[in-house]
Amino acid sequence: MLAQEYGVSIESTIKGGAAAHVIVTVAQKRAPRGQQFVNYDEFQSLVLGARYALFLRMLDWAPGVYSIAFEPSRFKLEGDRAVVQSPWNEALTYFPARPTADFLQAVRAAASVTAP
């Protein structure tokens, strides 16, 4: 597996904590043993300087390095809109663009719910 790593500045967290700056790794290529690397068709690089809401998990074997937790895991905060970015074909159907403030409020509310 080859991945692209990004240095990310944390503006705020919704659940859990993180340092002010972390490394986020995104899988870019894969290769079964002994075969050539193949690009992931769904690989999308992060745009430098852009704002994102990311749903991440820390890698067990690399403290301080985070990766995608699930799909969709990335929402680009473009001006006043939160826009899903995902290789999942139906992501836009289930997660249409919406005002950033409404999106963040909904995520905070969902994150605060405790399991029964």
PDB file of N, CA and C in Angstrom:
ATOM      1  N   MET A   1       0.851  -1.162   0.000  1.00  0.00           N
ATOM      2  CA  MET A   1       0.000   0.000   0.000  1.00  0.00           C
ATOM      3  C   MET A   1       0.898   1.226   0.000  1.00  0.00           C
ATOM      4  N   LEU A   2       0.629   2.153  -0.876  1.00  0.00           N
ATOM      5  CA  LEU A   2       1.291   3.457  -0.861  1.00  0.00           C
ATOM      6  C   LEU A   2       0.241   4.496  -0.526  1.00  0.00           C
ATOM      7  N   ALA A   3       0.637   5.486   0.238  1.00  0.00           N
ATOM      8  CA  ALA A   3      -0.328   6.496   0.663  1.00  0.00           C
ATOM      9  C   ALA A   3       0.282   7.884   0.537  1.00  0.00           C
ATOM     10  N   GLN A   4      -0.584   8.856   0.424  1.00  0.00           N
ATOM     11  CA  GLN A   4      -0.184  10.262   0.448  1.00  0.00           C
ATOM     12  C   GLN A   4      -0.404  10.747   1.866  1.00  0.00           C
ATOM     13  N   GLU A   5       0.587  11.386   2.440  1.00  0.00           N
ATOM     14  CA  GLU A   5       0.442  11.923   3.792  1.00  0.00           C
ATOM     15  C   GLU A   5       0.335  13.435   3.728  1.00  0.00           C
ATOM     16  N   TYR A   6      -0.495  13.972   4.589  1.00  0.00           N
ATOM     17  CA  TYR A   6      -0.741  15.411   4.644  1.00  0.00           C
ATOM     18  C   TYR A   6      -0.522  15.903   6.066  1.00  0.00           C
ATOM     19  N   GLY A   7       0.127  17.037   6.206  1.00  0.00           N
ATOM     20  CA  GLY A   7       0.198  17.725   7.487  1.00  0.00           C
ATOM     21  C   GLY A   7      -1.049  18.582   7.592  1.00  0.00           C
ATOM     22  N   VAL A   8      -1.832  18.352   8.630  1.00  0.00           N
ATOM     23  CA  VAL A   8      -3.129  19.026   8.774  1.00  0.00           C
ATOM     24  C   VAL A   8      -3.139  19.833  10.065  1.00  0.00           C
ATOM     25  N   SER A   9      -3.594  21.069   9.974  1.00  0.00           N
ATOM     26  CA  SER A   9      -3.794  21.912  11.161  1.00  0.00           C
ATOM     27  C   SER A   9      -5.228  21.724  11.632  1.00  0.00           C
ATOM     28  N   ILE A  10      -5.380  21.469  12.923  1.00  0.00           N
ATOM     29  CA  ILE A  10      -6.699  21.216  13.498  1.00  0.00           C
ATOM     30  C   ILE A  10      -7.293  22.531  13.997  1.00  0.00           C
ATOM     31  N   GLU A  11      -8.452  22.875  13.458  1.00  0.00           N
ATOM     32  CA  GLU A  11      -9.171  24.069  13.890  1.00  0.00           C
ATOM     33  C   GLU A  11      -9.990  23.763  15.135  1.00  0.00           C
ATOM     34  N   SER A  12     -10.666  22.607  15.125  1.00  0.00           N
ATOM     35  CA  SER A  12     -11.441  22.155  16.281  1.00  0.00           C
ATOM     36  C   SER A  12     -11.766  20.681  16.096  1.00  0.00           C
ATOM     37  N   THR A  13     -12.123  20.019  17.198  1.00  0.00           N
ATOM     38  CA  THR A  13     -12.561  18.631  17.141  1.00  0.00           C
ATOM     39  C   THR A  13     -13.982  18.548  17.649  1.00  0.00           C
ATOM     40  N   ILE A  14     -14.710  17.567  17.159  1.00  0.00           N
ATOM     41  CA  ILE A  14     -16.092  17.380  17.584  1.00  0.00           C
ATOM     42  C   ILE A  14     -16.171  16.261  18.613  1.00  0.00           C
ATOM     43  N   LYS A  15     -15.373  15.236  18.418  1.00  0.00           N
ATOM     44  CA  LYS A  15     -15.346  14.122  19.367  1.00  0.00           C
ATOM     45  C   LYS A  15     -13.900  13.664  19.485  1.00  0.00           C
ATOM     46  N   GLY A  16     -13.466  13.453  20.682  1.00  0.00           N
ATOM     47  CA  GLY A  16     -12.073  13.076  20.877  1.00  0.00           C
ATOM     48  C   GLY A  16     -11.198  14.313  20.862  1.00  0.00           C
ATOM     49  N   GLY A  17      -9.930  14.097  20.893  1.00  0.00           N
ATOM     50  CA  GLY A  17      -8.994  15.207  20.897  1.00  0.00           C
ATOM     51  C   GLY A  17      -7.876  14.938  19.920  1.00  0.00           C
ATOM     52  N   ALA A  18      -7.162  15.972  19.584  1.00  0.00           N
ATOM     53  CA  ALA A  18      -6.018  15.837  18.680  1.00  0.00           C
ATOM     54  C   ALA A  18      -5.080  16.999  18.942  1.00  0.00           C
ATOM     55  N   ALA A  19      -3.834  16.802  18.564  1.00  0.00           N
ATOM     56  CA  ALA A  19      -2.849  17.877  18.657  1.00  0.00           C
ATOM     57  C   ALA A  19      -3.221  18.975  17.667  1.00  0.00           C
ATOM     58  N   ALA A  20      -2.568  20.110  17.765  1.00  0.00           N
ATOM     59  CA  ALA A  20      -2.848  21.231  16.864  1.00  0.00           C
ATOM     60  C   ALA A  20      -2.480  20.916  15.418  1.00  0.00           C
ATOM     61  N   HIS A  21      -1.522  20.024  15.235  1.00  0.00           N
ATOM     62  CA  HIS A  21      -1.084  19.597  13.896  1.00  0.00           C
ATOM     63  C   HIS A  21      -0.945  18.079  13.911  1.00  0.00           C
ATOM     64  N   VAL A  22      -1.521  17.412  12.913  1.00  0.00           N
ATOM     65  CA  VAL A  22      -1.441  15.954  12.824  1.00  0.00           C
ATOM     66  C   VAL A  22      -1.097  15.552  11.388  1.00  0.00           C
ATOM     67  N   ILE A  23      -0.786  14.286  11.219  1.00  0.00           N
ATOM     68  CA  ILE A  23      -0.554  13.704   9.904  1.00  0.00           C
ATOM     69  C   ILE A  23      -1.794  12.886   9.540  1.00  0.00           C
ATOM     70  N   VAL A  24      -2.324  13.113   8.338  1.00  0.00           N
ATOM     71  CA  VAL A  24      -3.445  12.331   7.812  1.00  0.00           C
ATOM     72  C   VAL A  24      -2.928  11.591   6.588  1.00  0.00           C
ATOM     73  N   THR A  25      -3.123  10.272   6.568  1.00  0.00           N
ATOM     74  CA  THR A  25      -2.671   9.459   5.444  1.00  0.00           C
ATOM     75  C   THR A  25      -3.871   8.951   4.652  1.00  0.00           C
ATOM     76  N   VAL A  26      -3.780   9.044   3.327  1.00  0.00           N
ATOM     77  CA  VAL A  26      -4.859   8.609   2.438  1.00  0.00           C
ATOM     78  C   VAL A  26      -4.265   7.613   1.449  1.00  0.00           C
ATOM     79  N   ALA A  27      -4.834   6.386   1.397  1.00  0.00           N
ATOM     80  CA  ALA A  27      -4.326   5.351   0.494  1.00  0.00           C
ATOM     81  C   ALA A  27      -4.421   5.821  -0.954  1.00  0.00           C
ATOM     82  N   GLN A  28      -3.319   5.655  -1.686  1.00  0.00           N
ATOM     83  CA  GLN A  28      -3.248   6.122  -3.068  1.00  0.00           C
ATOM     84  C   GLN A  28      -3.079   4.965  -4.052  1.00  0.00           C
ATOM     85  N   LYS A  29      -2.294   3.953  -3.680  1.00  0.00           N
ATOM     86  CA  LYS A  29      -2.027   2.814  -4.556  1.00  0.00           C
ATOM     87  C   LYS A  29      -1.987   1.541  -3.722  1.00  0.00           C
ATOM     88  N   ARG A  30      -2.233   0.423  -4.394  1.00  0.00           N
ATOM     89  CA  ARG A  30      -2.139  -0.866  -3.713  1.00  0.00           C
ATOM     90  C   ARG A  30      -1.503  -1.872  -4.654  1.00  0.00           C
ATOM     91  N   ALA A  31      -0.956  -2.924  -4.082  1.00  0.00           N
ATOM     92  CA  ALA A  31      -0.368  -3.995  -4.889  1.00  0.00           C
ATOM     93  C   ALA A  31      -0.464  -5.304  -4.128  1.00  0.00           C
ATOM     94  N   PRO A  32      -1.113  -6.292  -4.729  1.00  0.00           N
ATOM     95  CA  PRO A  32      -1.045  -7.628  -4.122  1.00  0.00           C
ATOM     96  C   PRO A  32       0.415  -8.076  -4.124  1.00  0.00           C
ATOM     97  N   ARG A  33       0.788  -8.946  -3.220  1.00  0.00           N
ATOM     98  CA  ARG A  33       2.186  -9.385  -3.107  1.00  0.00           C
ATOM     99  C   ARG A  33       2.784  -9.756  -4.455  1.00  0.00           C
ATOM    100  N   GLY A  34       3.944  -9.152  -4.745  1.00  0.00           N
ATOM    101  CA  GLY A  34       4.678  -9.488  -5.945  1.00  0.00           C
ATOM    102  C   GLY A  34       4.132  -8.910  -7.234  1.00  0.00           C
ATOM    103  N   GLN A  35       3.111  -8.070  -7.155  1.00  0.00           N
ATOM    104  CA  GLN A  35       2.535  -7.493  -8.368  1.00  0.00           C
ATOM    105  C   GLN A  35       2.785  -5.991  -8.404  1.00  0.00           C
ATOM    106  N   GLN A  36       2.504  -5.366  -9.543  1.00  0.00           N
ATOM    107  CA  GLN A  36       2.707  -3.927  -9.693  1.00  0.00           C
ATOM    108  C   GLN A  36       1.656  -3.144  -8.910  1.00  0.00           C
ATOM    109  N   PHE A  37       2.056  -1.924  -8.520  1.00  0.00           N
ATOM    110  CA  PHE A  37       1.117  -1.044  -7.845  1.00  0.00           C
ATOM    111  C   PHE A  37       0.060  -0.551  -8.824  1.00  0.00           C
ATOM    112  N   VAL A  38      -1.165  -0.454  -8.342  1.00  0.00           N
ATOM    113  CA  VAL A  38      -2.291   0.034  -9.129  1.00  0.00           C
ATOM    114  C   VAL A  38      -2.899   1.208  -8.379  1.00  0.00           C
ATOM    115  N   ASN A  39      -3.137   2.317  -9.076  1.00  0.00           N
ATOM    116  CA  ASN A  39      -3.765   3.475  -8.439  1.00  0.00           C
ATOM    117  C   ASN A  39      -5.194   3.138  -8.040  1.00  0.00           C
ATOM    118  N   TYR A  40      -5.605   3.642  -6.891  1.00  0.00           N
ATOM    119  CA  TYR A  40      -7.015   3.578  -6.530  1.00  0.00           C
ATOM    120  C   TYR A  40      -7.753   4.551  -7.427  1.00  0.00           C
ATOM    121  N   ASP A  41      -8.777   4.085  -8.101  1.00  0.00           N
ATOM    122  CA  ASP A  41      -9.565   4.969  -8.971  1.00  0.00           C
ATOM    123  C   ASP A  41     -10.197   6.098  -8.170  1.00  0.00           C
ATOM    124  N   GLU A  42     -10.526   5.805  -6.922  1.00  0.00           N
ATOM    125  CA  GLU A  42     -11.243   6.786  -6.101  1.00  0.00           C
ATOM    126  C   GLU A  42     -10.324   7.739  -5.337  1.00  0.00           C
ATOM    127  N   PHE A  43      -9.005   7.629  -5.511  1.00  0.00           N
ATOM    128  CA  PHE A  43      -8.098   8.500  -4.766  1.00  0.00           C
ATOM    129  C   PHE A  43      -8.360   9.958  -5.114  1.00  0.00           C
ATOM    130  N   GLN A  44      -8.556  10.761  -4.096  1.00  0.00           N
ATOM    131  CA  GLN A  44      -8.718  12.206  -4.246  1.00  0.00           C
ATOM    132  C   GLN A  44      -7.764  12.863  -3.270  1.00  0.00           C
ATOM    133  N   SER A  45      -6.903  13.716  -3.773  1.00  0.00           N
ATOM    134  CA  SER A  45      -5.971  14.387  -2.876  1.00  0.00           C
ATOM    135  C   SER A  45      -6.682  15.514  -2.131  1.00  0.00           C
ATOM    136  N   LEU A  46      -6.159  15.844  -0.959  1.00  0.00           N
ATOM    137  CA  LEU A  46      -6.652  17.007  -0.233  1.00  0.00           C
ATOM    138  C   LEU A  46      -6.069  18.247  -0.897  1.00  0.00           C
ATOM    139  N   VAL A  47      -6.835  19.316  -0.908  1.00  0.00           N
ATOM    140  CA  VAL A  47      -6.388  20.569  -1.507  1.00  0.00           C
ATOM    141  C   VAL A  47      -5.691  21.394  -0.431  1.00  0.00           C
ATOM    142  N   LEU A  48      -4.454  21.772  -0.687  1.00  0.00           N
ATOM    143  CA  LEU A  48      -3.713  22.570   0.281  1.00  0.00           C
ATOM    144  C   LEU A  48      -4.423  23.893   0.529  1.00  0.00           C
ATOM    145  N   GLY A  49      -4.555  24.251   1.799  1.00  0.00           N
ATOM    146  CA  GLY A  49      -5.194  25.502   2.175  1.00  0.00           C
ATOM    147  C   GLY A  49      -6.705  25.426   2.297  1.00  0.00           C
ATOM    148  N   ALA A  50      -7.304  24.314   1.890  1.00  0.00           N
ATOM    149  CA  ALA A  50      -8.761  24.172   1.986  1.00  0.00           C
ATOM    150  C   ALA A  50      -9.155  23.746   3.398  1.00  0.00           C
ATOM    151  N   ARG A  51     -10.423  23.976   3.737  1.00  0.00           N
ATOM    152  CA  ARG A  51     -10.962  23.543   5.032  1.00  0.00           C
ATOM    153  C   ARG A  51     -11.799  22.296   4.812  1.00  0.00           C
ATOM    154  N   TYR A  52     -11.669  21.343   5.728  1.00  0.00           N
ATOM    155  CA  TYR A  52     -12.403  20.087   5.649  1.00  0.00           C
ATOM    156  C   TYR A  52     -12.965  19.721   7.016  1.00  0.00           C
ATOM    157  N   ALA A  53     -14.051  18.983   7.000  1.00  0.00           N
ATOM    158  CA  ALA A  53     -14.506  18.229   8.167  1.00  0.00           C
ATOM    159  C   ALA A  53     -14.115  16.790   7.843  1.00  0.00           C
ATOM    160  N   LEU A  54     -13.233  16.214   8.655  1.00  0.00           N
ATOM    161  CA  LEU A  54     -12.710  14.872   8.407  1.00  0.00           C
ATOM    162  C   LEU A  54     -13.131  13.936   9.527  1.00  0.00           C
ATOM    163  N   PHE A  55     -13.532  12.728   9.167  1.00  0.00           N
ATOM    164  CA  PHE A  55     -13.868  11.697  10.136  1.00  0.00           C
ATOM    165  C   PHE A  55     -12.727  10.686  10.087  1.00  0.00           C
ATOM    166  N   LEU A  56     -11.908  10.695  11.139  1.00  0.00           N
ATOM    167  CA  LEU A  56     -10.647   9.959  11.134  1.00  0.00           C
ATOM    168  C   LEU A  56     -10.514   9.036  12.330  1.00  0.00           C
ATOM    169  N   ARG A  57      -9.561   8.126  12.213  1.00  0.00           N
ATOM    170  CA  ARG A  57      -9.179   7.281  13.348  1.00  0.00           C
ATOM    171  C   ARG A  57      -7.659   7.260  13.403  1.00  0.00           C
ATOM    172  N   MET A  58      -7.128   7.162  14.614  1.00  0.00           N
ATOM    173  CA  MET A  58      -5.675   7.103  14.752  1.00  0.00           C
ATOM    174  C   MET A  58      -5.214   5.682  14.416  1.00  0.00           C
ATOM    175  N   LEU A  59      -4.119   5.583  13.688  1.00  0.00           N
ATOM    176  CA  LEU A  59      -3.554   4.279  13.366  1.00  0.00           C
ATOM    177  C   LEU A  59      -2.950   3.667  14.619  1.00  0.00           C
ATOM    178  N   ASP A  60      -3.276   2.401  14.893  1.00  0.00           N
ATOM    179  CA  ASP A  60      -2.775   1.717  16.088  1.00  0.00           C
ATOM    180  C   ASP A  60      -1.253   1.649  16.106  1.00  0.00           C
ATOM    181  N   TRP A  61      -0.648   1.464  14.951  1.00  0.00           N
ATOM    182  CA  TRP A  61       0.797   1.260  14.867  1.00  0.00           C
ATOM    183  C   TRP A  61       1.582   2.554  14.648  1.00  0.00           C
ATOM    184  N   ALA A  62       0.882   3.683  14.540  1.00  0.00           N
ATOM    185  CA  ALA A  62       1.573   4.954  14.296  1.00  0.00           C
ATOM    186  C   ALA A  62       0.878   6.069  15.075  1.00  0.00           C
ATOM    187  N   PRO A  63       1.140   6.208  16.366  1.00  0.00           N
ATOM    188  CA  PRO A  63       0.502   7.257  17.156  1.00  0.00           C
ATOM    189  C   PRO A  63       0.708   8.634  16.524  1.00  0.00           C
ATOM    190  N   GLY A  64      -0.363   9.399  16.460  1.00  0.00           N
ATOM    191  CA  GLY A  64      -0.303  10.738  15.875  1.00  0.00           C
ATOM    192  C   GLY A  64      -0.570  10.764  14.386  1.00  0.00           C
ATOM    193  N   VAL A  65      -0.735   9.582  13.764  1.00  0.00           N
ATOM    194  CA  VAL A  65      -1.064   9.506  12.337  1.00  0.00           C
ATOM    195  C   VAL A  65      -2.504   9.009  12.225  1.00  0.00           C
ATOM    196  N   TYR A  66      -3.300   9.693  11.421  1.00  0.00           N
ATOM    197  CA  TYR A  66      -4.720   9.396  11.282  1.00  0.00           C
ATOM    198  C   TYR A  66      -5.032   8.951   9.860  1.00  0.00           C
ATOM    199  N   SER A  67      -6.113   8.156   9.728  1.00  0.00           N
ATOM    200  CA  SER A  67      -6.578   7.730   8.413  1.00  0.00           C
ATOM    201  C   SER A  67      -8.105   7.787   8.392  1.00  0.00           C
ATOM    202  N   ILE A  68      -8.647   7.546   7.216  1.00  0.00           N
ATOM    203  CA  ILE A  68     -10.093   7.546   7.018  1.00  0.00           C
ATOM    204  C   ILE A  68     -10.731   6.541   7.975  1.00  0.00           C
ATOM    205  N   ALA A  69     -11.829   6.945   8.622  1.00  0.00           N
ATOM    206  CA  ALA A  69     -12.506   6.063   9.556  1.00  0.00           C
ATOM    207  C   ALA A  69     -13.604   5.256   8.868  1.00  0.00           C
ATOM    208  N   PHE A  70     -14.305   5.856   7.925  1.00  0.00           N
ATOM    209  CA  PHE A  70     -15.417   5.225   7.216  1.00  0.00           C
ATOM    210  C   PHE A  70     -15.775   6.129   6.046  1.00  0.00           C
ATOM    211  N   GLU A  71     -16.718   5.705   5.229  1.00  0.00           N
ATOM    212  CA  GLU A  71     -17.180   6.537   4.121  1.00  0.00           C
ATOM    213  C   GLU A  71     -18.618   6.963   4.357  1.00  0.00           C
ATOM    214  N   PRO A  72     -18.933   8.194   4.051  1.00  0.00           N
ATOM    215  CA  PRO A  72     -18.026   9.256   3.644  1.00  0.00           C
ATOM    216  C   PRO A  72     -17.278   9.811   4.843  1.00  0.00           C
ATOM    217  N   SER A  73     -16.026  10.157   4.636  1.00  0.00           N
ATOM    218  CA  SER A  73     -15.172  10.612   5.730  1.00  0.00           C
ATOM    219  C   SER A  73     -14.665  12.029   5.538  1.00  0.00           C
ATOM    220  N   ARG A  74     -14.997  12.623   4.407  1.00  0.00           N
ATOM    221  CA  ARG A  74     -14.440  13.945   4.095  1.00  0.00           C
ATOM    222  C   ARG A  74     -15.531  14.847   3.520  1.00  0.00           C
ATOM    223  N   PHE A  75     -15.654  16.018   4.130  1.00  0.00           N
ATOM    224  CA  PHE A  75     -16.561  17.054   3.634  1.00  0.00           C
ATOM    225  C   PHE A  75     -15.747  18.326   3.475  1.00  0.00           C
ATOM    226  N   LYS A  76     -15.696  18.834   2.269  1.00  0.00           N
ATOM    227  CA  LYS A  76     -14.955  20.071   2.012  1.00  0.00           C
ATOM    228  C   LYS A  76     -15.856  21.236   2.385  1.00  0.00           C
ATOM    229  N   LEU A  77     -15.331  22.137   3.185  1.00  0.00           N
ATOM    230  CA  LEU A  77     -16.088  23.309   3.631  1.00  0.00           C
ATOM    231  C   LEU A  77     -15.742  24.457   2.687  1.00  0.00           C
ATOM    232  N   GLU A  78     -16.572  24.616   1.661  1.00  0.00           N
ATOM    233  CA  GLU A  78     -16.346  25.599   0.601  1.00  0.00           C
ATOM    234  C   GLU A  78     -17.211  26.818   0.853  1.00  0.00           C
ATOM    235  N   GLY A  79     -16.604  27.871   1.356  1.00  0.00           N
ATOM    236  CA  GLY A  79     -17.402  29.061   1.668  1.00  0.00           C
ATOM    237  C   GLY A  79     -18.424  28.720   2.730  1.00  0.00           C
ATOM    238  N   ASP A  80     -19.694  28.829   2.387  1.00  0.00           N
ATOM    239  CA  ASP A  80     -20.748  28.538   3.362  1.00  0.00           C
ATOM    240  C   ASP A  80     -21.411  27.185   3.102  1.00  0.00           C
ATOM    241  N   ARG A  81     -20.768  26.295   2.324  1.00  0.00           N
ATOM    242  CA  ARG A  81     -21.339  24.999   1.987  1.00  0.00           C
ATOM    243  C   ARG A  81     -20.407  23.862   2.422  1.00  0.00           C
ATOM    244  N   ALA A  82     -20.991  22.797   2.936  1.00  0.00           N
ATOM    245  CA  ALA A  82     -20.269  21.567   3.238  1.00  0.00           C
ATOM    246  C   ALA A  82     -20.606  20.589   2.116  1.00  0.00           C
ATOM    247  N   VAL A  83     -19.580  20.158   1.383  1.00  0.00           N
ATOM    248  CA  VAL A  83     -19.768  19.309   0.205  1.00  0.00           C
ATOM    249  C   VAL A  83     -19.031  17.987   0.411  1.00  0.00           C
ATOM    250  N   VAL A  84     -19.756  16.871   0.327  1.00  0.00           N
ATOM    251  CA  VAL A  84     -19.146  15.557   0.520  1.00  0.00           C
ATOM    252  C   VAL A  84     -18.162  15.264  -0.608  1.00  0.00           C
ATOM    253  N   GLN A  85     -17.050  14.616  -0.248  1.00  0.00           N
ATOM    254  CA  GLN A  85     -16.068  14.115  -1.215  1.00  0.00           C
ATOM    255  C   GLN A  85     -15.829  12.661  -0.859  1.00  0.00           C
ATOM    256  N   SER A  86     -16.281  11.759  -1.719  1.00  0.00           N
ATOM    257  CA  SER A  86     -16.211  10.345  -1.401  1.00  0.00           C
ATOM    258  C   SER A  86     -16.178   9.509  -2.668  1.00  0.00           C
ATOM    259  N   PRO A  87     -15.477   8.369  -2.622  1.00  0.00           N
ATOM    260  CA  PRO A  87     -15.521   7.448  -3.754  1.00  0.00           C
ATOM    261  C   PRO A  87     -16.846   6.688  -3.826  1.00  0.00           C
ATOM    262  N   TRP A  88     -17.637   6.747  -2.778  1.00  0.00           N
ATOM    263  CA  TRP A  88     -18.935   6.082  -2.742  1.00  0.00           C
ATOM    264  C   TRP A  88     -19.861   6.794  -3.717  1.00  0.00           C
ATOM    265  N   ASN A  89     -20.327   6.084  -4.719  1.00  0.00           N
ATOM    266  CA  ASN A  89     -21.124   6.682  -5.793  1.00  0.00           C
ATOM    267  C   ASN A  89     -22.393   7.378  -5.323  1.00  0.00           C
ATOM    268  N   GLU A  90     -22.986   6.905  -4.259  1.00  0.00           N
ATOM    269  CA  GLU A  90     -24.253   7.472  -3.799  1.00  0.00           C
ATOM    270  C   GLU A  90     -24.094   8.507  -2.690  1.00  0.00           C
ATOM    271  N   ALA A  91     -22.879   8.904  -2.390  1.00  0.00           N
ATOM    272  CA  ALA A  91     -22.642   9.838  -1.285  1.00  0.00           C
ATOM    273  C   ALA A  91     -23.415  11.144  -1.471  1.00  0.00           C
ATOM    274  N   LEU A  92     -23.398  11.700  -2.674  1.00  0.00           N
ATOM    275  CA  LEU A  92     -24.117  12.962  -2.909  1.00  0.00           C
ATOM    276  C   LEU A  92     -25.623  12.812  -2.765  1.00  0.00           C
ATOM    277  N   THR A  93     -26.147  11.609  -3.029  1.00  0.00           N
ATOM    278  CA  THR A  93     -27.580  11.361  -2.863  1.00  0.00           C
ATOM    279  C   THR A  93     -27.962  11.435  -1.392  1.00  0.00           C
ATOM    280  N   TYR A  94     -27.151  10.809  -0.549  1.00  0.00           N
ATOM    281  CA  TYR A  94     -27.451  10.756   0.883  1.00  0.00           C
ATOM    282  C   TYR A  94     -26.920  11.954   1.665  1.00  0.00           C
ATOM    283  N   PHE A  95     -25.923  12.621   1.109  1.00  0.00           N
ATOM    284  CA  PHE A  95     -25.309  13.762   1.790  1.00  0.00           C
ATOM    285  C   PHE A  95     -25.206  14.937   0.819  1.00  0.00           C
ATOM    286  N   PRO A  96     -26.353  15.540   0.477  1.00  0.00           N
ATOM    287  CA  PRO A  96     -26.293  16.685  -0.446  1.00  0.00           C
ATOM    288  C   PRO A  96     -25.586  17.870   0.221  1.00  0.00           C
ATOM    289  N   ALA A  97     -25.041  18.756  -0.601  1.00  0.00           N
ATOM    290  CA  ALA A  97     -24.388  19.964  -0.070  1.00  0.00           C
ATOM    291  C   ALA A  97     -25.389  20.712   0.795  1.00  0.00           C
ATOM    292  N   ARG A  98     -24.889  21.273   1.885  1.00  0.00           N
ATOM    293  CA  ARG A  98     -25.749  22.048   2.789  1.00  0.00           C
ATOM    294  C   ARG A  98     -24.929  23.124   3.454  1.00  0.00           C
ATOM    295  N   PRO A  99     -25.580  24.092   4.072  1.00  0.00           N
ATOM    296  CA  PRO A  99     -24.822  25.155   4.744  1.00  0.00           C
ATOM    297  C   PRO A  99     -23.864  24.569   5.790  1.00  0.00           C
ATOM    298  N   THR A 100     -22.654  25.085   5.821  1.00  0.00           N
ATOM    299  CA  THR A 100     -21.626  24.579   6.727  1.00  0.00           C
ATOM    300  C   THR A 100     -22.095  24.595   8.175  1.00  0.00           C
ATOM    301  N   ALA A 101     -22.702  25.683   8.611  1.00  0.00           N
ATOM    302  CA  ALA A 101     -23.144  25.785  10.010  1.00  0.00           C
ATOM    303  C   ALA A 101     -24.162  24.691  10.339  1.00  0.00           C
ATOM    304  N   ASP A 102     -25.108  24.430   9.439  1.00  0.00           N
ATOM    305  CA  ASP A 102     -26.107  23.377   9.664  1.00  0.00           C
ATOM    306  C   ASP A 102     -25.444  22.002   9.708  1.00  0.00           C
ATOM    307  N   PHE A 103     -24.506  21.767   8.790  1.00  0.00           N
ATOM    308  CA  PHE A 103     -23.794  20.490   8.746  1.00  0.00           C
ATOM    309  C   PHE A 103     -23.044  20.251  10.055  1.00  0.00           C
ATOM    310  N   LEU A 104     -22.270  21.231  10.498  1.00  0.00           N
ATOM    311  CA  LEU A 104     -21.486  21.065  11.726  1.00  0.00           C
ATOM    312  C   LEU A 104     -22.381  20.896  12.946  1.00  0.00           C
ATOM    313  N   GLN A 105     -23.497  21.597  12.984  1.00  0.00           N
ATOM    314  CA  GLN A 105     -24.441  21.445  14.094  1.00  0.00           C
ATOM    315  C   GLN A 105     -25.010  20.028  14.112  1.00  0.00           C
ATOM    316  N   ALA A 106     -25.363  19.482  12.940  1.00  0.00           N
ATOM    317  CA  ALA A 106     -25.905  18.125  12.861  1.00  0.00           C
ATOM    318  C   ALA A 106     -24.855  17.091  13.282  1.00  0.00           C
ATOM    319  N   VAL A 107     -23.609  17.294  12.883  1.00  0.00           N
ATOM    320  CA  VAL A 107     -22.546  16.357  13.263  1.00  0.00           C
ATOM    321  C   VAL A 107     -22.308  16.424  14.771  1.00  0.00           C
ATOM    322  N   ARG A 108     -22.263  17.621  15.324  1.00  0.00           N
ATOM    323  CA  ARG A 108     -22.083  17.748  16.791  1.00  0.00           C
ATOM    324  C   ARG A 108     -23.222  17.073  17.550  1.00  0.00           C
ATOM    325  N   ALA A 109     -24.454  17.250  17.072  1.00  0.00           N
ATOM    326  CA  ALA A 109     -25.597  16.627  17.729  1.00  0.00           C
ATOM    327  C   ALA A 109     -25.498  15.109  17.654  1.00  0.00           C
ATOM    328  N   ALA A 110     -25.139  14.577  16.494  1.00  0.00           N
ATOM    329  CA  ALA A 110     -25.012  13.125  16.329  1.00  0.00           C
ATOM    330  C   ALA A 110     -23.879  12.580  17.206  1.00  0.00           C
ATOM    331  N   ALA A 111     -22.786  13.306  17.313  1.00  0.00           N
ATOM    332  CA  ALA A 111     -21.641  12.851  18.104  1.00  0.00           C
ATOM    333  C   ALA A 111     -21.923  12.868  19.602  1.00  0.00           C
ATOM    334  N   SER A 112     -22.887  13.686  20.020  1.00  0.00           N
ATOM    335  CA  SER A 112     -23.185  13.788  21.447  1.00  0.00           C
ATOM    336  C   SER A 112     -24.175  12.730  21.934  1.00  0.00           C
ATOM    337  N   VAL A 113     -24.770  11.999  21.014  1.00  0.00           N
ATOM    338  CA  VAL A 113     -25.731  10.951  21.394  1.00  0.00           C
ATOM    339  C   VAL A 113     -24.964   9.785  21.989  1.00  0.00           C
ATOM    340  N   THR A 114     -25.437   9.304  23.147  1.00  0.00           N
ATOM    341  CA  THR A 114     -24.790   8.151  23.777  1.00  0.00           C
ATOM    342  C   THR A 114     -25.593   6.897  23.481  1.00  0.00           C
ATOM    343  N   ALA A 115     -24.892   5.798  23.313  1.00  0.00           N
ATOM    344  CA  ALA A 115     -25.550   4.514  23.023  1.00  0.00           C
ATOM    345  C   ALA A 115     -26.321   4.072  24.261  1.00  0.00           C
ATOM    346  N   PRO A 116     -27.451   3.396  24.038  1.00  0.00           N
ATOM    347  CA  PRO A 116     -28.264   2.931  25.180  1.00  0.00           C
ATOM    348  C   PRO A 116     -27.571   1.857  25.982  1.00  0.00           C
TER     349      PRO A 116
END
